[in-house]
């Protein structure tokens, strides 16, 4: 549940994009949370995605800045953590429908002998309620490391230019 909560917090303040700055910026460009700007957490990965037009190099630079902040600059403001906690709890409640409960019952058969059988990515109510800004920051610092990340760029863009931007943006990150 910590990875899922961190995913939510990435949209609630980063070093270069305070508050809801990331989503506010991209919404000004006509993009919407969901189809153009999104994230998800599964059993073994968290993925952040930005879909934008490639004819605006300024927007590409800002997308890289957002990705870099998600990778190393989430701020975990305690007030934002408390506000987002209710959102995460409600998301978990909505997933407790018949399909969600049925899926949970199949986890032991799908993942025998694995911790995945006992740990839904959305988290337990205890984990969500007990997560503090500090515990989320500790989880983030431990697991958001350059050696376990990948950047994928797809589109009508110069591969050389994207490779240069990736190196320029992400090489300074340290575990």
C-alpha atoms as a PDB file:
ATOM      1  CA  UNK A   1       0.000   0.000   0.000  1.00  0.00           C
ATOM      2  CA  UNK A   2       2.923   2.379   0.540  1.00  0.00           C
ATOM      3  CA  UNK A   3       3.863   2.345  -3.165  1.00  0.00           C
ATOM      4  CA  UNK A   4       0.283   3.184  -4.114  1.00  0.00           C
ATOM      5  CA  UNK A   5       0.101   6.008  -1.580  1.00  0.00           C
ATOM      6  CA  UNK A   6       3.438   7.395  -2.849  1.00  0.00           C
ATOM      7  CA  UNK A   7       2.019   7.304  -6.380  1.00  0.00           C
ATOM      8  CA  UNK A   8      -0.865   9.499  -5.222  1.00  0.00           C
ATOM      9  CA  UNK A   9       1.481  11.871  -3.401  1.00  0.00           C
ATOM     10  CA  UNK A  10       3.533  12.421  -6.565  1.00  0.00           C
ATOM     11  CA  UNK A  11       0.606  14.528  -7.822  1.00  0.00           C
ATOM     12  CA  UNK A  12       0.425  16.514  -4.565  1.00  0.00           C
ATOM     13  CA  UNK A  13       3.668  18.418  -4.591  1.00  0.00           C
ATOM     14  CA  UNK A  14       7.199  18.103  -5.881  1.00  0.00           C
ATOM     15  CA  UNK A  15      10.320  20.214  -5.666  1.00  0.00           C
ATOM     16  CA  UNK A  16       9.641  22.090  -8.938  1.00  0.00           C
ATOM     17  CA  UNK A  17       5.845  21.737  -8.940  1.00  0.00           C
ATOM     18  CA  UNK A  18       4.443  22.636  -5.498  1.00  0.00           C
ATOM     19  CA  UNK A  19       0.928  21.569  -4.553  1.00  0.00           C
ATOM     20  CA  UNK A  20      -0.928  20.329  -7.593  1.00  0.00           C
ATOM     21  CA  UNK A  21       1.504  22.102  -9.908  1.00  0.00           C
ATOM     22  CA  UNK A  22       2.142  19.146 -12.209  1.00  0.00           C
ATOM     23  CA  UNK A  23      -1.507  18.545 -13.017  1.00  0.00           C
ATOM     24  CA  UNK A  24      -2.255  22.304 -13.064  1.00  0.00           C
ATOM     25  CA  UNK A  25       0.508  22.925 -15.612  1.00  0.00           C
ATOM     26  CA  UNK A  26      -0.553  20.162 -17.979  1.00  0.00           C
ATOM     27  CA  UNK A  27      -4.230  21.089 -17.646  1.00  0.00           C
ATOM     28  CA  UNK A  28      -3.319  24.605 -18.845  1.00  0.00           C
ATOM     29  CA  UNK A  29      -2.054  22.925 -22.029  1.00  0.00           C
ATOM     30  CA  UNK A  30      -5.436  21.256 -22.522  1.00  0.00           C
ATOM     31  CA  UNK A  31      -4.395  17.905 -21.122  1.00  0.00           C
ATOM     32  CA  UNK A  32      -6.536  16.027 -18.635  1.00  0.00           C
ATOM     33  CA  UNK A  33      -5.744  13.876 -15.646  1.00  0.00           C
ATOM     34  CA  UNK A  34      -6.498  10.324 -16.732  1.00  0.00           C
ATOM     35  CA  UNK A  35      -6.126  10.209 -20.493  1.00  0.00           C
ATOM     36  CA  UNK A  36      -2.973  12.375 -20.769  1.00  0.00           C
ATOM     37  CA  UNK A  37      -1.437  12.392 -17.304  1.00  0.00           C
ATOM     38  CA  UNK A  38      -1.699   9.301 -15.152  1.00  0.00           C
ATOM     39  CA  UNK A  39      -0.043   6.691 -12.961  1.00  0.00           C
ATOM     40  CA  UNK A  40      -0.758   3.230 -11.657  1.00  0.00           C
ATOM     41  CA  UNK A  41       0.737   0.825  -9.147  1.00  0.00           C
ATOM     42  CA  UNK A  42       0.674  -2.913  -9.718  1.00  0.00           C
ATOM     43  CA  UNK A  43       2.252  -5.747  -7.775  1.00  0.00           C
ATOM     44  CA  UNK A  44       5.778  -5.027  -8.984  1.00  0.00           C
ATOM     45  CA  UNK A  45       5.877  -1.585 -10.549  1.00  0.00           C
ATOM     46  CA  UNK A  46       4.613   1.962 -10.429  1.00  0.00           C
ATOM     47  CA  UNK A  47       4.282   3.667 -13.793  1.00  0.00           C
ATOM     48  CA  UNK A  48       3.885   7.395 -14.395  1.00  0.00           C
ATOM     49  CA  UNK A  49       2.833   8.489 -17.869  1.00  0.00           C
ATOM     50  CA  UNK A  50       2.578  11.762 -19.723  1.00  0.00           C
ATOM     51  CA  UNK A  51       1.036  11.857 -23.179  1.00  0.00           C
ATOM     52  CA  UNK A  52       1.635  15.121 -24.994  1.00  0.00           C
ATOM     53  CA  UNK A  53       2.086  16.548 -28.466  1.00  0.00           C
ATOM     54  CA  UNK A  54       5.664  16.215 -29.686  1.00  0.00           C
ATOM     55  CA  UNK A  55       5.746  19.426 -31.705  1.00  0.00           C
ATOM     56  CA  UNK A  56       6.285  21.579 -28.613  1.00  0.00           C
ATOM     57  CA  UNK A  57       9.817  21.050 -27.299  1.00  0.00           C
ATOM     58  CA  UNK A  58       9.047  23.236 -24.260  1.00  0.00           C
ATOM     59  CA  UNK A  59       6.321  20.781 -23.244  1.00  0.00           C
ATOM     60  CA  UNK A  60       8.722  17.864 -23.673  1.00  0.00           C
ATOM     61  CA  UNK A  61      11.194  19.609 -21.362  1.00  0.00           C
ATOM     62  CA  UNK A  62       8.484  20.165 -18.765  1.00  0.00           C
ATOM     63  CA  UNK A  63       7.382  16.527 -19.044  1.00  0.00           C
ATOM     64  CA  UNK A  64      10.966  15.451 -18.340  1.00  0.00           C
ATOM     65  CA  UNK A  65      11.071  17.830 -15.353  1.00  0.00           C
ATOM     66  CA  UNK A  66       7.857  16.245 -14.021  1.00  0.00           C
ATOM     67  CA  UNK A  67       9.267  12.738 -14.488  1.00  0.00           C
ATOM     68  CA  UNK A  68      12.480  13.735 -12.716  1.00  0.00           C
ATOM     69  CA  UNK A  69      10.492  15.195  -9.822  1.00  0.00           C
ATOM     70  CA  UNK A  70       8.404  12.029  -9.561  1.00  0.00           C
ATOM     71  CA  UNK A  71      11.693  10.103  -9.467  1.00  0.00           C
ATOM     72  CA  UNK A  72      13.413  12.211  -6.816  1.00  0.00           C
ATOM     73  CA  UNK A  73      11.495  15.319  -5.782  1.00  0.00           C
ATOM     74  CA  UNK A  74       8.169  14.391  -4.165  1.00  0.00           C
ATOM     75  CA  UNK A  75       7.755  16.617  -1.101  1.00  0.00           C
ATOM     76  CA  UNK A  76       5.270  14.695   1.112  1.00  0.00           C
ATOM     77  CA  UNK A  77       3.705  17.707   2.785  1.00  0.00           C
ATOM     78  CA  UNK A  78       1.964  16.351   5.938  1.00  0.00           C
ATOM     79  CA  UNK A  79      -1.239  18.288   5.212  1.00  0.00           C
ATOM     80  CA  UNK A  80      -1.362  16.883   1.667  1.00  0.00           C
ATOM     81  CA  UNK A  81      -0.728  13.373   3.026  1.00  0.00           C
ATOM     82  CA  UNK A  82      -3.711  13.729   5.363  1.00  0.00           C
ATOM     83  CA  UNK A  83      -5.937  15.066   2.567  1.00  0.00           C
ATOM     84  CA  UNK A  84      -4.878  12.333   0.128  1.00  0.00           C
ATOM     85  CA  UNK A  85      -5.400   9.586   2.705  1.00  0.00           C
ATOM     86  CA  UNK A  86      -9.175   9.940   2.286  1.00  0.00           C
ATOM     87  CA  UNK A  87      -8.841   9.670  -1.496  1.00  0.00           C
ATOM     88  CA  UNK A  88      -6.817   6.455  -1.206  1.00  0.00           C
ATOM     89  CA  UNK A  89      -9.253   4.974   1.332  1.00  0.00           C
ATOM     90  CA  UNK A  90     -12.174   5.795  -0.965  1.00  0.00           C
ATOM     91  CA  UNK A  91     -10.384   4.272  -3.973  1.00  0.00           C
ATOM     92  CA  UNK A  92      -9.830   1.110  -1.938  1.00  0.00           C
ATOM     93  CA  UNK A  93     -13.499   1.064  -0.886  1.00  0.00           C
ATOM     94  CA  UNK A  94     -14.618   1.359  -4.511  1.00  0.00           C
ATOM     95  CA  UNK A  95     -12.420  -1.606  -5.450  1.00  0.00           C
ATOM     96  CA  UNK A  96     -14.070  -3.782  -2.824  1.00  0.00           C
ATOM     97  CA  UNK A  97     -16.921  -4.586  -5.224  1.00  0.00           C
ATOM     98  CA  UNK A  98     -17.728  -8.185  -6.244  1.00  0.00           C
ATOM     99  CA  UNK A  99     -14.969  -8.272  -8.879  1.00  0.00           C
ATOM    100  CA  UNK A 100     -12.382  -6.943  -6.445  1.00  0.00           C
ATOM    101  CA  UNK A 101     -13.340  -9.366  -3.688  1.00  0.00           C
ATOM    102  CA  UNK A 102     -13.315 -12.251  -6.179  1.00  0.00           C
ATOM    103  CA  UNK A 103      -9.852 -11.239  -7.412  1.00  0.00           C
ATOM    104  CA  UNK A 104      -8.553 -11.145  -3.832  1.00  0.00           C
ATOM    105  CA  UNK A 105      -9.850 -14.682  -3.246  1.00  0.00           C
ATOM    106  CA  UNK A 106      -7.858 -15.890  -6.271  1.00  0.00           C
ATOM    107  CA  UNK A 107      -4.549 -14.312  -5.189  1.00  0.00           C
ATOM    108  CA  UNK A 108      -3.347 -17.389  -3.234  1.00  0.00           C
ATOM    109  CA  UNK A 109      -3.823 -19.556  -6.350  1.00  0.00           C
ATOM    110  CA  UNK A 110      -2.276 -16.963  -8.657  1.00  0.00           C
ATOM    111  CA  UNK A 111       0.765 -16.319  -6.445  1.00  0.00           C
ATOM    112  CA  UNK A 112       1.431 -19.466  -4.390  1.00  0.00           C
ATOM    113  CA  UNK A 113       4.350 -19.025  -2.013  1.00  0.00           C
ATOM    114  CA  UNK A 114       4.652 -15.318  -2.847  1.00  0.00           C
ATOM    115  CA  UNK A 115       4.068 -12.233  -0.707  1.00  0.00           C
ATOM    116  CA  UNK A 116       1.865 -10.970  -3.572  1.00  0.00           C
ATOM    117  CA  UNK A 117      -0.882 -13.315  -2.424  1.00  0.00           C
ATOM    118  CA  UNK A 118      -1.219 -11.330   0.809  1.00  0.00           C
ATOM    119  CA  UNK A 119      -0.452  -7.797  -0.404  1.00  0.00           C
ATOM    120  CA  UNK A 120      -2.806  -6.025  -2.745  1.00  0.00           C
ATOM    121  CA  UNK A 121      -1.085  -2.986  -4.289  1.00  0.00           C
ATOM    122  CA  UNK A 122      -3.850  -0.673  -3.088  1.00  0.00           C
ATOM    123  CA  UNK A 123      -2.943  -1.418   0.541  1.00  0.00           C
ATOM    124  CA  UNK A 124      -4.710  -2.377   3.711  1.00  0.00           C
ATOM    125  CA  UNK A 125      -6.843   0.086   5.657  1.00  0.00           C
ATOM    126  CA  UNK A 126      -4.265  -0.108   8.483  1.00  0.00           C
ATOM    127  CA  UNK A 127      -1.410   0.781   6.126  1.00  0.00           C
ATOM    128  CA  UNK A 128      -3.310   3.671   4.556  1.00  0.00           C
ATOM    129  CA  UNK A 129      -4.485   5.105   7.877  1.00  0.00           C
ATOM    130  CA  UNK A 130      -1.083   4.630   9.517  1.00  0.00           C
ATOM    131  CA  UNK A 131       1.057   6.131   6.751  1.00  0.00           C
ATOM    132  CA  UNK A 132       2.690   9.378   7.806  1.00  0.00           C
ATOM    133  CA  UNK A 133       4.566  11.888   5.684  1.00  0.00           C
ATOM    134  CA  UNK A 134       7.782  10.556   7.224  1.00  0.00           C
ATOM    135  CA  UNK A 135       7.020   6.857   6.611  1.00  0.00           C
ATOM    136  CA  UNK A 136       6.038   7.621   2.995  1.00  0.00           C
ATOM    137  CA  UNK A 137       9.264   9.622   2.543  1.00  0.00           C
ATOM    138  CA  UNK A 138      11.299   6.720   3.990  1.00  0.00           C
ATOM    139  CA  UNK A 139       9.621   4.246   1.613  1.00  0.00           C
ATOM    140  CA  UNK A 140      10.189   6.602  -1.323  1.00  0.00           C
ATOM    141  CA  UNK A 141      13.848   7.150  -0.438  1.00  0.00           C
ATOM    142  CA  UNK A 142      14.440   3.411  -0.149  1.00  0.00           C
ATOM    143  CA  UNK A 143      12.638   2.273  -3.319  1.00  0.00           C
ATOM    144  CA  UNK A 144      12.701   5.193  -5.764  1.00  0.00           C
ATOM    145  CA  UNK A 145      16.257   4.635  -6.955  1.00  0.00           C
ATOM    146  CA  UNK A 146      17.779   5.238 -10.388  1.00  0.00           C
ATOM    147  CA  UNK A 147      18.970   1.625 -10.611  1.00  0.00           C
ATOM    148  CA  UNK A 148      15.363   0.398 -10.482  1.00  0.00           C
ATOM    149  CA  UNK A 149      13.842   2.938 -12.887  1.00  0.00           C
ATOM    150  CA  UNK A 150      13.340   3.124 -16.621  1.00  0.00           C
ATOM    151  CA  UNK A 151      12.315   5.955 -18.930  1.00  0.00           C
ATOM    152  CA  UNK A 152      10.467   5.064 -22.122  1.00  0.00           C
ATOM    153  CA  UNK A 153       9.752   7.633 -24.839  1.00  0.00           C
ATOM    154  CA  UNK A 154       7.468   6.743 -27.721  1.00  0.00           C
ATOM    155  CA  UNK A 155       6.516   9.049 -30.559  1.00  0.00           C
ATOM    156  CA  UNK A 156       7.576  11.077 -33.533  1.00  0.00           C
ATOM    157  CA  UNK A 157      10.690  12.431 -31.846  1.00  0.00           C
ATOM    158  CA  UNK A 158      14.412  12.350 -32.451  1.00  0.00           C
ATOM    159  CA  UNK A 159      15.861   9.304 -30.666  1.00  0.00           C
ATOM    160  CA  UNK A 160      19.185  11.105 -30.245  1.00  0.00           C
ATOM    161  CA  UNK A 161      17.526  14.173 -28.749  1.00  0.00           C
ATOM    162  CA  UNK A 162      15.458  12.051 -26.333  1.00  0.00           C
ATOM    163  CA  UNK A 163      18.544  10.075 -25.290  1.00  0.00           C
ATOM    164  CA  UNK A 164      20.386  13.353 -24.639  1.00  0.00           C
ATOM    165  CA  UNK A 165      17.469  14.672 -22.556  1.00  0.00           C
ATOM    166  CA  UNK A 166      17.234  11.431 -20.587  1.00  0.00           C
ATOM    167  CA  UNK A 167      20.938  11.541 -19.719  1.00  0.00           C
ATOM    168  CA  UNK A 168      20.807  15.241 -18.911  1.00  0.00           C
ATOM    169  CA  UNK A 169      17.709  14.875 -16.721  1.00  0.00           C
ATOM    170  CA  UNK A 170      18.311  11.594 -14.908  1.00  0.00           C
ATOM    171  CA  UNK A 171      22.091  11.106 -14.612  1.00  0.00           C
ATOM    172  CA  UNK A 172      22.262  13.576 -11.687  1.00  0.00           C
ATOM    173  CA  UNK A 173      19.890  11.361  -9.646  1.00  0.00           C
ATOM    174  CA  UNK A 174      21.566   9.362  -6.894  1.00  0.00           C
ATOM    175  CA  UNK A 175      20.308   6.442  -4.884  1.00  0.00           C
END
